[in-house]
C-alpha atoms as a PDB file:
ATOM      1  CA  MET A   1      14.630 -13.173  16.136  1.00  0.00           C
ATOM      2  CA  SER A   2      11.269 -12.864  17.691  1.00  0.00           C
ATOM      3  CA  VAL A   3       8.932  -9.967  17.592  1.00  0.00           C
ATOM      4  CA  SER A   4       6.407  -9.280  20.176  1.00  0.00           C
ATOM      5  CA  ILE A   5       3.920  -6.777  21.005  1.00  0.00           C
ATOM      6  CA  ASP A   6       3.881  -5.539  24.548  1.00  0.00           C
ATOM      7  CA  LEU A   7       1.118  -3.143  25.560  1.00  0.00           C
ATOM      8  CA  THR A   8       1.841  -3.469  29.277  1.00  0.00           C
ATOM      9  CA  SER A   9       0.661  -0.142  31.022  1.00  0.00           C
ATOM     10  CA  LYS A  10      -1.592   0.788  28.129  1.00  0.00           C
ATOM     11  CA  SER A  11      -5.250   0.929  28.070  1.00  0.00           C
ATOM     12  CA  VAL A  12      -7.902   0.398  25.385  1.00  0.00           C
ATOM     13  CA  LEU A  13     -11.607   0.930  24.983  1.00  0.00           C
ATOM     14  CA  ILE A  14     -13.458  -1.327  22.627  1.00  0.00           C
ATOM     15  CA  THR A  15     -17.099  -0.404  21.848  1.00  0.00           C
ATOM     16  CA  GLY A  16     -19.481  -3.207  21.323  1.00  0.00           C
ATOM     17  CA  ALA A  17     -17.144  -5.618  22.789  1.00  0.00           C
ATOM     18  CA  SER A  18     -19.413  -8.077  24.572  1.00  0.00           C
ATOM     19  CA  GLN A  19     -19.376 -10.751  21.723  1.00  0.00           C
ATOM     20  CA  GLY A  20     -18.112 -11.459  18.276  1.00  0.00           C
ATOM     21  CA  ILE A  21     -15.308  -9.379  16.795  1.00  0.00           C
ATOM     22  CA  GLY A  22     -15.250  -6.971  19.727  1.00  0.00           C
ATOM     23  CA  ALA A  23     -14.761  -9.633  22.223  1.00  0.00           C
ATOM     24  CA  ALA A  24     -11.907 -11.288  20.123  1.00  0.00           C
ATOM     25  CA  ILE A  25     -10.170  -7.834  20.105  1.00  0.00           C
ATOM     26  CA  ALA A  26     -10.433  -7.608  23.896  1.00  0.00           C
ATOM     27  CA  ARG A  27      -8.815 -11.021  24.406  1.00  0.00           C
ATOM     28  CA  LYS A  28      -5.967 -10.050  22.058  1.00  0.00           C
ATOM     29  CA  PHE A  29      -5.230  -6.782  23.803  1.00  0.00           C
ATOM     30  CA  ALA A  30      -5.437  -8.412  27.169  1.00  0.00           C
ATOM     31  CA  GLN A  31      -2.962 -11.038  25.918  1.00  0.00           C
ATOM     32  CA  ALA A  32      -0.656  -8.164  24.939  1.00  0.00           C
ATOM     33  CA  GLY A  33      -0.733  -6.728  28.515  1.00  0.00           C
ATOM     34  CA  ALA A  34      -3.197  -3.849  28.053  1.00  0.00           C
ATOM     35  CA  THR A  35      -5.937  -2.864  30.415  1.00  0.00           C
ATOM     36  CA  VAL A  36      -9.214  -3.535  28.546  1.00  0.00           C
ATOM     37  CA  PHE A  37     -12.358  -1.555  28.864  1.00  0.00           C
ATOM     38  CA  ILE A  38     -15.315  -3.551  27.508  1.00  0.00           C
ATOM     39  CA  ASN A  39     -18.237  -1.398  26.274  1.00  0.00           C
ATOM     40  CA  HIS A  40     -21.640  -2.679  25.822  1.00  0.00           C
ATOM     41  CA  PRO A  41     -25.028  -1.042  25.205  1.00  0.00           C
ATOM     42  CA  ASN A  42     -26.903  -2.789  28.134  1.00  0.00           C
ATOM     43  CA  VAL A  43     -29.350  -4.307  25.637  1.00  0.00           C
ATOM     44  CA  GLY A  44     -30.470  -7.979  25.744  1.00  0.00           C
ATOM     45  CA  THR A  45     -27.630 -10.172  27.070  1.00  0.00           C
ATOM     46  CA  THR A  46     -24.867  -7.750  26.303  1.00  0.00           C
ATOM     47  CA  GLN A  47     -24.213  -6.938  29.992  1.00  0.00           C
ATOM     48  CA  ALA A  48     -24.064 -10.516  31.041  1.00  0.00           C
ATOM     49  CA  ASP A  49     -21.740 -11.353  28.095  1.00  0.00           C
ATOM     50  CA  ALA A  50     -19.480  -8.288  28.751  1.00  0.00           C
ATOM     51  CA  GLU A  51     -19.266  -9.380  32.472  1.00  0.00           C
ATOM     52  CA  ALA A  52     -18.507 -12.914  31.683  1.00  0.00           C
ATOM     53  CA  LEU A  53     -15.669 -11.807  29.267  1.00  0.00           C
ATOM     54  CA  ALA A  54     -14.285  -9.496  31.826  1.00  0.00           C
ATOM     55  CA  ALA A  55     -14.252 -12.292  34.386  1.00  0.00           C
ATOM     56  CA  GLU A  56     -12.494 -14.548  31.925  1.00  0.00           C
ATOM     57  CA  LEU A  57      -9.727 -11.990  31.308  1.00  0.00           C
ATOM     58  CA  ASN A  58      -9.299 -11.169  35.022  1.00  0.00           C
ATOM     59  CA  LEU A  59      -8.707 -14.787  35.821  1.00  0.00           C
ATOM     60  CA  THR A  60      -5.531 -14.491  33.890  1.00  0.00           C
ATOM     61  CA  ARG A  61      -4.488 -11.030  35.013  1.00  0.00           C
ATOM     62  CA  THR A  62      -6.291  -9.485  38.073  1.00  0.00           C
ATOM     63  CA  ASP A  63      -7.986  -6.148  37.362  1.00  0.00           C
ATOM     64  CA  SER A  64      -6.987  -6.092  33.669  1.00  0.00           C
ATOM     65  CA  ALA A  65     -10.640  -5.819  32.453  1.00  0.00           C
ATOM     66  CA  HIS A  66     -13.477  -3.430  33.300  1.00  0.00           C
ATOM     67  CA  VAL A  67     -17.024  -3.355  31.892  1.00  0.00           C
ATOM     68  CA  VAL A  68     -18.406   0.127  30.937  1.00  0.00           C
ATOM     69  CA  ALA A  69     -21.950   0.346  29.682  1.00  0.00           C
ATOM     70  CA  ALA A  70     -22.936   2.979  27.300  1.00  0.00           C
ATOM     71  CA  ASP A  71     -25.077   3.702  24.167  1.00  0.00           C
ATOM     72  CA  VAL A  72     -22.388   5.200  21.803  1.00  0.00           C
ATOM     73  CA  SER A  73     -24.945   7.354  20.152  1.00  0.00           C
ATOM     74  CA  SER A  74     -25.812   9.127  23.513  1.00  0.00           C
ATOM     75  CA  VAL A  75     -23.614  12.199  24.309  1.00  0.00           C
ATOM     76  CA  ASP A  76     -24.218  11.947  28.010  1.00  0.00           C
ATOM     77  CA  GLN A  77     -23.431   8.231  28.214  1.00  0.00           C
ATOM     78  CA  VAL A  78     -20.287   8.475  26.186  1.00  0.00           C
ATOM     79  CA  THR A  79     -19.034  11.466  28.184  1.00  0.00           C
ATOM     80  CA  SER A  80     -19.688   9.491  31.401  1.00  0.00           C
ATOM     81  CA  MET A  81     -17.994   6.283  30.079  1.00  0.00           C
ATOM     82  CA  MET A  82     -14.730   8.408  29.174  1.00  0.00           C
ATOM     83  CA  GLN A  83     -14.796   9.964  32.675  1.00  0.00           C
ATOM     84  CA  ARG A  84     -15.010   6.662  34.410  1.00  0.00           C
ATOM     85  CA  ILE A  85     -12.073   5.313  32.194  1.00  0.00           C
ATOM     86  CA  ALA A  86      -9.974   8.376  33.018  1.00  0.00           C
ATOM     87  CA  GLU A  87     -10.765   7.594  36.727  1.00  0.00           C
ATOM     88  CA  ILE A  88      -9.657   4.147  36.638  1.00  0.00           C
ATOM     89  CA  SER A  89      -6.630   4.312  34.245  1.00  0.00           C
ATOM     90  CA  GLY A  90      -5.640   7.955  34.167  1.00  0.00           C
ATOM     91  CA  GLY A  91      -6.233   8.241  30.416  1.00  0.00           C
ATOM     92  CA  LEU A  92      -6.620   6.129  27.281  1.00  0.00           C
ATOM     93  CA  ASP A  93      -4.106   4.960  24.704  1.00  0.00           C
ATOM     94  CA  TYR A  94      -6.313   3.184  22.125  1.00  0.00           C
ATOM     95  CA  LEU A  95      -9.874   3.512  21.012  1.00  0.00           C
ATOM     96  CA  ILE A  96     -11.441   0.720  18.824  1.00  0.00           C
ATOM     97  CA  ASN A  97     -14.891   1.801  17.391  1.00  0.00           C
ATOM     98  CA  ASN A  98     -16.444  -1.615  16.822  1.00  0.00           C
ATOM     99  CA  ALA A  99     -20.082  -1.104  17.895  1.00  0.00           C
ATOM    100  CA  ALA A 100     -22.476  -1.316  14.966  1.00  0.00           C
ATOM    101  CA  ILE A 101     -26.043  -2.361  13.982  1.00  0.00           C
ATOM    102  CA  ILE A 102     -27.735  -3.264  10.823  1.00  0.00           C
ATOM    103  CA  ARG A 103     -31.281  -2.555   9.526  1.00  0.00           C
ATOM    104  CA  ASP A 104     -31.139  -3.839   6.084  1.00  0.00           C
ATOM    105  CA  ARG A 105     -33.927  -2.915   3.503  1.00  0.00           C
ATOM    106  CA  THR A 106     -33.863  -1.543   0.008  1.00  0.00           C
ATOM    107  CA  VAL A 107     -34.092   2.084  -0.147  1.00  0.00           C
ATOM    108  CA  SER A 108     -37.640   2.196  -1.546  1.00  0.00           C
ATOM    109  CA  LYS A 109     -38.752   0.396   1.614  1.00  0.00           C
ATOM    110  CA  MET A 110     -36.414   1.463   4.230  1.00  0.00           C
ATOM    111  CA  THR A 111     -38.167   3.554   6.873  1.00  0.00           C
ATOM    112  CA  MET A 112     -36.642   6.838   8.298  1.00  0.00           C
ATOM    113  CA  ASP A 113     -36.254   5.078  11.753  1.00  0.00           C
ATOM    114  CA  GLU A 114     -34.334   2.252  10.037  1.00  0.00           C
ATOM    115  CA  TRP A 115     -32.017   4.806   8.384  1.00  0.00           C
ATOM    116  CA  GLN A 116     -31.408   6.949  11.417  1.00  0.00           C
ATOM    117  CA  ALA A 117     -30.876   4.075  13.856  1.00  0.00           C
ATOM    118  CA  VAL A 118     -27.997   2.939  11.713  1.00  0.00           C
ATOM    119  CA  MET A 119     -26.582   6.471  11.428  1.00  0.00           C
ATOM    120  CA  ASP A 120     -26.885   7.112  15.032  1.00  0.00           C
ATOM    121  CA  VAL A 121     -24.853   4.109  16.210  1.00  0.00           C
ATOM    122  CA  ASN A 122     -22.536   3.522  13.271  1.00  0.00           C
ATOM    123  CA  LEU A 123     -21.547   7.027  12.318  1.00  0.00           C
ATOM    124  CA  ARG A 124     -22.593   9.324  15.060  1.00  0.00           C
ATOM    125  CA  GLY A 125     -21.393   6.833  17.692  1.00  0.00           C
ATOM    126  CA  VAL A 126     -17.822   6.796  16.164  1.00  0.00           C
ATOM    127  CA  PHE A 127     -17.764  10.571  16.037  1.00  0.00           C
ATOM    128  CA  LEU A 128     -18.927  11.002  19.704  1.00  0.00           C
ATOM    129  CA  CYS A 129     -16.383   8.221  20.963  1.00  0.00           C
ATOM    130  CA  CYS A 130     -13.681   9.876  18.972  1.00  0.00           C
ATOM    131  CA  LYS A 131     -14.479  13.380  20.164  1.00  0.00           C
ATOM    132  CA  HIS A 132     -14.639  12.530  23.817  1.00  0.00           C
ATOM    133  CA  ALA A 133     -11.779   9.860  23.669  1.00  0.00           C
ATOM    134  CA  LEU A 134      -9.497  12.522  22.400  1.00  0.00           C
ATOM    135  CA  GLU A 135     -10.009  14.568  25.671  1.00  0.00           C
ATOM    136  CA  ILE A 136      -8.488  11.829  27.698  1.00  0.00           C
ATOM    137  CA  MET A 137      -6.171  10.191  25.058  1.00  0.00           C
ATOM    138  CA  ARG A 138      -2.484  10.216  25.628  1.00  0.00           C
ATOM    139  CA  ASP A 139       0.061  11.381  23.159  1.00  0.00           C
ATOM    140  CA  GLY A 140       0.940   8.666  20.745  1.00  0.00           C
ATOM    141  CA  GLY A 141      -2.232   6.891  20.950  1.00  0.00           C
ATOM    142  CA  SER A 142      -4.207   5.181  18.179  1.00  0.00           C
ATOM    143  CA  ILE A 143      -7.859   5.021  17.012  1.00  0.00           C
ATOM    144  CA  VAL A 144      -9.034   2.224  14.855  1.00  0.00           C
ATOM    145  CA  SER A 145     -12.623   2.388  13.668  1.00  0.00           C
ATOM    146  CA  PHE A 146     -14.633  -0.364  11.831  1.00  0.00           C
ATOM    147  CA  GLY A 147     -15.446   0.415   8.116  1.00  0.00           C
ATOM    148  CA  SER A 148     -16.854  -2.371   6.036  1.00  0.00           C
ATOM    149  CA  ILE A 149     -16.569  -4.079   2.775  1.00  0.00           C
ATOM    150  CA  ALA A 150     -20.189  -2.949   2.300  1.00  0.00           C
ATOM    151  CA  ALA A 151     -18.841   0.673   1.948  1.00  0.00           C
ATOM    152  CA  ILE A 152     -16.642  -0.476  -0.966  1.00  0.00           C
ATOM    153  CA  GLN A 153     -18.897  -3.076  -2.750  1.00  0.00           C
ATOM    154  CA  GLY A 154     -22.339  -1.399  -2.228  1.00  0.00           C
ATOM    155  CA  PHE A 155     -24.414  -4.588  -1.204  1.00  0.00           C
ATOM    156  CA  PHE A 156     -28.069  -4.713  -2.017  1.00  0.00           C
ATOM    157  CA  GLY A 157     -30.274  -3.400   0.723  1.00  0.00           C
ATOM    158  CA  GLN A 158     -27.476  -1.707   2.792  1.00  0.00           C
ATOM    159  CA  ALA A 159     -27.746   1.910   1.823  1.00  0.00           C
ATOM    160  CA  ASN A 160     -27.881   2.978   5.479  1.00  0.00           C
ATOM    161  CA  TYR A 161     -25.074   0.610   6.611  1.00  0.00           C
ATOM    162  CA  ALA A 162     -22.849   1.342   3.506  1.00  0.00           C
ATOM    163  CA  ALA A 163     -23.250   4.978   3.783  1.00  0.00           C
ATOM    164  CA  ALA A 164     -22.409   4.943   7.491  1.00  0.00           C
ATOM    165  CA  LYS A 165     -19.337   2.751   7.091  1.00  0.00           C
ATOM    166  CA  ALA A 166     -18.015   4.951   4.193  1.00  0.00           C
ATOM    167  CA  GLY A 167     -18.375   8.081   6.456  1.00  0.00           C
ATOM    168  CA  VAL A 168     -16.429   6.330   9.109  1.00  0.00           C
ATOM    169  CA  GLN A 169     -13.691   5.640   6.754  1.00  0.00           C
ATOM    170  CA  ALA A 170     -13.637   9.223   5.628  1.00  0.00           C
ATOM    171  CA  MET A 171     -13.616  10.330   9.206  1.00  0.00           C
ATOM    172  CA  MET A 172     -10.510   8.464   9.969  1.00  0.00           C
ATOM    173  CA  ARG A 173      -8.695  10.195   7.150  1.00  0.00           C
ATOM    174  CA  VAL A 174      -9.544  13.615   8.694  1.00  0.00           C
ATOM    175  CA  LEU A 175      -8.639  12.406  12.213  1.00  0.00           C
ATOM    176  CA  SER A 176      -5.121  11.135  10.940  1.00  0.00           C
ATOM    177  CA  ARG A 177      -4.435  14.813  10.183  1.00  0.00           C
ATOM    178  CA  GLU A 178      -6.130  16.411  13.251  1.00  0.00           C
ATOM    179  CA  GLY A 179      -4.387  13.881  15.608  1.00  0.00           C
ATOM    180  CA  ALA A 180      -0.941  14.056  14.003  1.00  0.00           C
ATOM    181  CA  ARG A 181       0.293  16.839  16.260  1.00  0.00           C
ATOM    182  CA  LYS A 182      -0.083  14.691  19.212  1.00  0.00           C
ATOM    183  CA  GLY A 183       1.176  11.638  17.504  1.00  0.00           C
ATOM    184  CA  ILE A 184      -2.299  10.099  17.546  1.00  0.00           C
ATOM    185  CA  ARG A 185      -2.830   7.839  14.528  1.00  0.00           C
ATOM    186  CA  ALA A 186      -6.294   6.922  13.169  1.00  0.00           C
ATOM    187  CA  ASN A 187      -7.139   4.132  10.794  1.00  0.00           C
ATOM    188  CA  ALA A 188     -10.118   2.176   9.641  1.00  0.00           C
ATOM    189  CA  VAL A 189     -10.324  -1.477   9.005  1.00  0.00           C
ATOM    190  CA  ALA A 190     -12.864  -2.857   6.335  1.00  0.00           C
ATOM    191  CA  PRO A 191     -13.698  -6.499   7.100  1.00  0.00           C
ATOM    192  CA  GLY A 192     -15.374  -8.753   4.480  1.00  0.00           C
ATOM    193  CA  VAL A 193     -17.537 -11.627   5.657  1.00  0.00           C
ATOM    194  CA  ILE A 194     -16.351 -12.794   9.108  1.00  0.00           C
ATOM    195  CA  ASP A 195     -17.492 -16.029  10.787  1.00  0.00           C
ATOM    196  CA  THR A 196     -19.808 -14.638  13.649  1.00  0.00           C
ATOM    197  CA  SER A 197     -23.114 -15.366  14.892  1.00  0.00           C
ATOM    198  CA  MET A 198     -24.465 -12.711  12.377  1.00  0.00           C
ATOM    199  CA  ALA A 199     -22.747 -14.288   9.430  1.00  0.00           C
ATOM    200  CA  ALA A 200     -24.300 -17.602  10.463  1.00  0.00           C
ATOM    201  CA  THR A 201     -27.762 -16.265   9.651  1.00  0.00           C
ATOM    202  CA  ILE A 202     -26.755 -15.758   6.034  1.00  0.00           C
ATOM    203  CA  PRO A 203     -28.767 -18.409   3.951  1.00  0.00           C
ATOM    204  CA  GLU A 204     -26.247 -21.107   2.642  1.00  0.00           C
ATOM    205  CA  SER A 205     -26.886 -20.393  -0.956  1.00  0.00           C
ATOM    206  CA  VAL A 206     -25.975 -16.715  -0.389  1.00  0.00           C
ATOM    207  CA  ARG A 207     -22.792 -17.706   1.447  1.00  0.00           C
ATOM    208  CA  ALA A 208     -21.894 -19.959  -1.374  1.00  0.00           C
ATOM    209  CA  GLU A 209     -22.156 -17.014  -3.817  1.00  0.00           C
ATOM    210  CA  MET A 210     -20.146 -14.763  -1.594  1.00  0.00           C
ATOM    211  CA  LEU A 211     -17.386 -17.259  -1.341  1.00  0.00           C
ATOM    212  CA  LYS A 212     -16.961 -17.151  -5.164  1.00  0.00           C
ATOM    213  CA  ASN A 213     -15.611 -13.649  -4.758  1.00  0.00           C
ATOM    214  CA  VAL A 214     -13.034 -14.610  -2.146  1.00  0.00           C
ATOM    215  CA  PRO A 215      -9.746 -15.854  -3.528  1.00  0.00           C
ATOM    216  CA  LEU A 216      -8.841 -17.431  -0.144  1.00  0.00           C
ATOM    217  CA  ALA A 217     -12.137 -19.467  -0.488  1.00  0.00           C
ATOM    218  CA  ARG A 218     -13.154 -19.090   3.031  1.00  0.00           C
ATOM    219  CA  PHE A 219     -14.759 -16.564   5.364  1.00  0.00           C
ATOM    220  CA  GLY A 220     -12.452 -14.744   7.928  1.00  0.00           C
ATOM    221  CA  THR A 221     -12.228 -15.435  11.620  1.00  0.00           C
ATOM    222  CA  THR A 222     -12.693 -12.829  14.448  1.00  0.00           C
ATOM    223  CA  GLU A 223      -9.148 -13.525  15.654  1.00  0.00           C
ATOM    224  CA  GLU A 224      -7.667 -12.672  12.164  1.00  0.00           C
ATOM    225  CA  VAL A 225      -9.536  -9.301  12.412  1.00  0.00           C
ATOM    226  CA  ALA A 226      -8.292  -8.781  15.969  1.00  0.00           C
ATOM    227  CA  ASN A 227      -4.703  -9.313  14.763  1.00  0.00           C
ATOM    228  CA  VAL A 228      -4.928  -6.470  12.377  1.00  0.00           C
ATOM    229  CA  VAL A 229      -6.369  -4.178  14.910  1.00  0.00           C
ATOM    230  CA  LEU A 230      -3.606  -5.033  17.429  1.00  0.00           C
ATOM    231  CA  PHE A 231      -1.047  -4.400  14.620  1.00  0.00           C
ATOM    232  CA  LEU A 232      -2.440  -0.946  13.917  1.00  0.00           C
ATOM    233  CA  CYS A 233      -2.250   0.031  17.491  1.00  0.00           C
ATOM    234  CA  SER A 234       1.180  -1.342  18.090  1.00  0.00           C
ATOM    235  CA  PRO A 235       4.684   0.264  17.446  1.00  0.00           C
ATOM    236  CA  LEU A 236       4.892  -1.862  14.311  1.00  0.00           C
ATOM    237  CA  ALA A 237       2.410   0.457  12.634  1.00  0.00           C
ATOM    238  CA  SER A 238       4.040   3.637  13.820  1.00  0.00           C
ATOM    239  CA  TYR A 239       3.976   5.074  10.293  1.00  0.00           C
ATOM    240  CA  VAL A 240       0.479   3.932   9.284  1.00  0.00           C
ATOM    241  CA  THR A 241      -2.288   6.479   9.589  1.00  0.00           C
ATOM    242  CA  GLY A 242      -5.289   7.669   7.472  1.00  0.00           C
ATOM    243  CA  GLN A 243      -5.590   4.286   5.894  1.00  0.00           C
ATOM    244  CA  THR A 244      -8.419   1.690   5.494  1.00  0.00           C
ATOM    245  CA  ILE A 245      -7.064  -1.697   5.702  1.00  0.00           C
ATOM    246  CA  GLU A 246      -9.322  -4.312   3.997  1.00  0.00           C
ATOM    247  CA  ILE A 247      -9.548  -7.761   5.628  1.00  0.00           C
ATOM    248  CA  ASN A 248     -11.618  -9.729   3.231  1.00  0.00           C
ATOM    249  CA  GLY A 249      -9.438 -12.606   1.928  1.00  0.00           C
ATOM    250  CA  GLY A 250      -8.876 -10.745  -1.426  1.00  0.00           C
ATOM    251  CA  TRP A 251     -12.537 -10.041  -2.271  1.00  0.00           C
ATOM    252  CA  ARG A 252     -12.762  -8.094  -5.438  1.00  0.00           C
ATOM    253  CA  GLY A 253     -16.311  -8.781  -6.564  1.00  0.00           C
END
């Protein structure tokens, strides 16, 4: 007996989806039949990357992917993004809060700007997207937000990032209660080290030390993270809410 996930007629917004894990999630949901909204902050190459991804997805299924620019820390931009999504698809079924930045530095050396920038995108951005997505989200929807292994392990130099991600994980537990009356589930995922362009900047000696903590003896792939996110939005996870799912190869350092 085969089991498939069919999200035909469903719509999903993925923040920070122009590359890396977000792009992998966009591809995975498109494969499942959903209409995909690819968010980007319009910084650097993100617009070009998002448009290229949408073009790739639309080659397979016409009009299945749309690009929506917005800084998730901006109330006005998030509100406008949700309005556009509602105009195109009539509502929203799934919200994936993936957008995040890092500004690593020890607490003694961290500037207030570095602290605030991470809080604005990684925590405030999740709150704003959840708040305004709920205004257009259909009953039975699902929210998946990105926490992190950093919120659990407390890595050196990541006080801002770890605090924000811990806040996201707590926020999803609250939302799981508040959304339940409409059948809306809310969960977090907490990836470990995933093979992305960001991970590629980690010095080889540090990577080797990290791998000592991973029983599977390798870093994860973006597709492996996308698979878990898809599962959490699918009917297969209909009784899963308020949880943080760790995707870290068994890291217990």
